[in-house]
Protein backbone atom coordinates (compact mmCIF):
# COMPACT_ATOMS: atom_id res chain seq x y z
CA MET A 1 36.25 -202.61 -0.47
CA ILE A 2 34.65 -205.91 -2.13
CA PRO A 3 35.68 -207.29 -5.36
CA LYS A 4 33.54 -206.70 -8.08
CA ASP A 5 34.74 -209.82 -10.43
CA PRO A 6 32.81 -213.02 -9.47
CA VAL A 7 35.63 -215.13 -9.28
CA MET A 8 37.73 -212.72 -7.14
CA LEU A 9 34.61 -212.09 -4.96
CA LEU A 10 33.88 -215.88 -4.47
CA SER A 11 37.65 -216.23 -2.90
CA TYR A 12 37.22 -212.82 -0.86
CA ILE A 13 34.15 -213.94 0.41
CA ASN A 14 34.97 -217.49 1.17
CA THR A 15 38.19 -216.15 3.06
CA GLN A 16 36.20 -213.85 5.31
CA LEU A 17 33.53 -216.27 6.36
CA ARG A 18 36.17 -218.73 7.09
CA ASP A 19 38.28 -216.59 8.76
CA PHE A 20 36.22 -214.06 10.75
CA TYR A 21 32.32 -214.59 10.23
CA ASP A 22 29.91 -217.32 11.70
CA SER A 23 27.43 -216.51 8.58
CA LEU A 24 26.96 -214.85 5.50
CA GLU A 25 24.94 -212.70 7.53
CA SER A 26 26.89 -211.52 9.98
CA PHE A 27 29.32 -210.93 7.27
CA CYS A 28 26.63 -208.72 5.19
CA THR A 29 25.85 -206.85 8.46
CA ALA A 30 29.66 -205.91 9.38
CA THR A 31 30.76 -204.56 5.94
CA ASN A 32 27.11 -203.34 5.06
CA THR A 33 26.60 -205.36 2.10
CA ASN A 34 23.64 -206.88 0.67
CA ALA A 35 23.28 -210.61 0.81
CA GLU A 36 21.24 -210.95 -2.01
CA GLU A 37 23.15 -209.47 -4.28
CA ILE A 38 26.00 -211.67 -3.24
CA ILE A 39 24.19 -214.65 -3.53
CA ALA A 40 23.05 -213.23 -7.31
CA LYS A 41 26.63 -212.87 -8.48
CA LEU A 42 28.04 -216.04 -7.13
CA LYS A 43 25.10 -217.92 -8.60
CA SER A 44 26.06 -216.28 -11.72
CA ILE A 45 29.47 -218.87 -11.59
CA ASP A 46 27.46 -221.91 -10.26
CA TYR A 47 28.39 -221.22 -6.43
CA GLU A 48 25.66 -221.42 -4.12
CA TYR A 49 25.72 -220.37 -0.34
CA ASP A 50 26.18 -223.34 2.31
CA GLU A 51 25.27 -222.45 5.86
CA LYS A 52 26.20 -225.87 7.32
CA SER A 53 29.73 -225.12 6.00
CA ASN A 54 29.35 -221.39 5.66
CA GLN A 55 30.87 -221.28 2.63
CA PHE A 56 29.98 -220.97 -1.17
CA ILE A 57 30.20 -224.05 -2.95
């Protein structure tokens, strides 16, 4: 299950992206999650997805 708390979500997503997925899109496809919801939730704590580094920074 994906964390609901934005700070926990940040840690979880970045770990998943680093260890298992080559993009946010591939993570969302594999886990059946909505990229826009993740992006919005992490933007609320001033983090944005960086495709080049494949992480939220």
